Amino acid sequence: MANQSTVTEFLLMGFSDDHDMQILYFEMFLVIYLLALIGNSLLGVSVILNQHLHAPMYFFLVNLSFSDVCFISTMIPKAMATSLTNNREISYVGCVAQVFSVFTFAGTELALLTVMAYDRYVAICHPLQYTLIMNWDACLQMAAASWISTLIDALLHTSLTFRLNFCKSNIIEQFFCDVPHLQHISCTDTRINQILILVQALTIDTFCTGLIFISYGYIFCVVLKVPSVQGRYKAFSTCIPHMTVFSLFFISVLFAYMRPQSVSSHTLDLLSAVLYTCLPPLLNPLIYSFRNKDIQKAMWKMLKK
């Protein structure tokens, strides 16, 4: 990476220059981070220790919880350190690692949500073939494909991002190393990078999102044909947590990256980034455990022990 001779570190944007406000932001991030860690860890351990929850849906849920823990750990500890010490520097290598991690875990989140939508489609639309289609070999292959494909995608994006020369400035107007802001301070032509991101959005992201919508389209058609109200409610209740989690992730990412430039500002950029990096990892375990009595029982059983 030849551009290390030009820039050896970056400066991240802080949330405030006032010391009291910095302490307040540190405390806020600490609470969010601990709640996300505890919630996802408790959910994952409860599923692993309970034999009754060793099913494909919960297997993917454990993967999602692990991805959420890694995702929020990529940015929030650094944001806490920045607020506590007022040291906004991040090394070149640290920035590379952060970009790679963000792409990996955000991409894995979308991939796992897509696989989980397919799991619900098979469970509701083809219940008699569920154990045949969603066998453990298939589940392991789908989980591995989700992780490996996003690792490759993250490596590609990271390599192309840090082939750029950063000689205009080393100030990133975000609280973590965000690719659009890195492109903004580059003095190299970034058209290839922008085209790659656009192609990914139009292909991989659209494919995953479309597959989720198609899966739920089929699910709704089947469920609405169920004669009993109780049967329809039972079928929908297994899908509501996943739909809520996907909507939360999808809307927060859209707000962060797809909103018009006319409503963009430094404060709104920071707020939108906090929303999509903190809300999904924080709320996902609450959403899944709130309507799932099996997970609630497993958690209480583990806590009592």
Foldseek 3Di string as FASTA:
>chain_A
DVQCVQPFKFFEDAPDPDLVVLVVVLVVLVVLLVLLVCLLVLLLVLLVVDPVNPDLLSVLSNVLSVLLNQLLVLFSVLNSVCSNVVGRMDGPVSQLVSQLSNQQSLQLNLLSLLVSLVLLLCCQVPVVCNCVCPPPVNSVVSNVCSRVVSNVVSVVLSVLQVVFHQNQHRYQLESGNDSVSSVVRTPDDCPVSVVVVVVCCVPVVCVSVVSSVVSVVSNVVRLVPDPDPVSSCVSVLVVVLSVVLVVQLVVLVCQQPVDDPVPDDSNSNHVSVCSNSRVSSNCSSVSVPVSDVSSVVSSVVVVVD
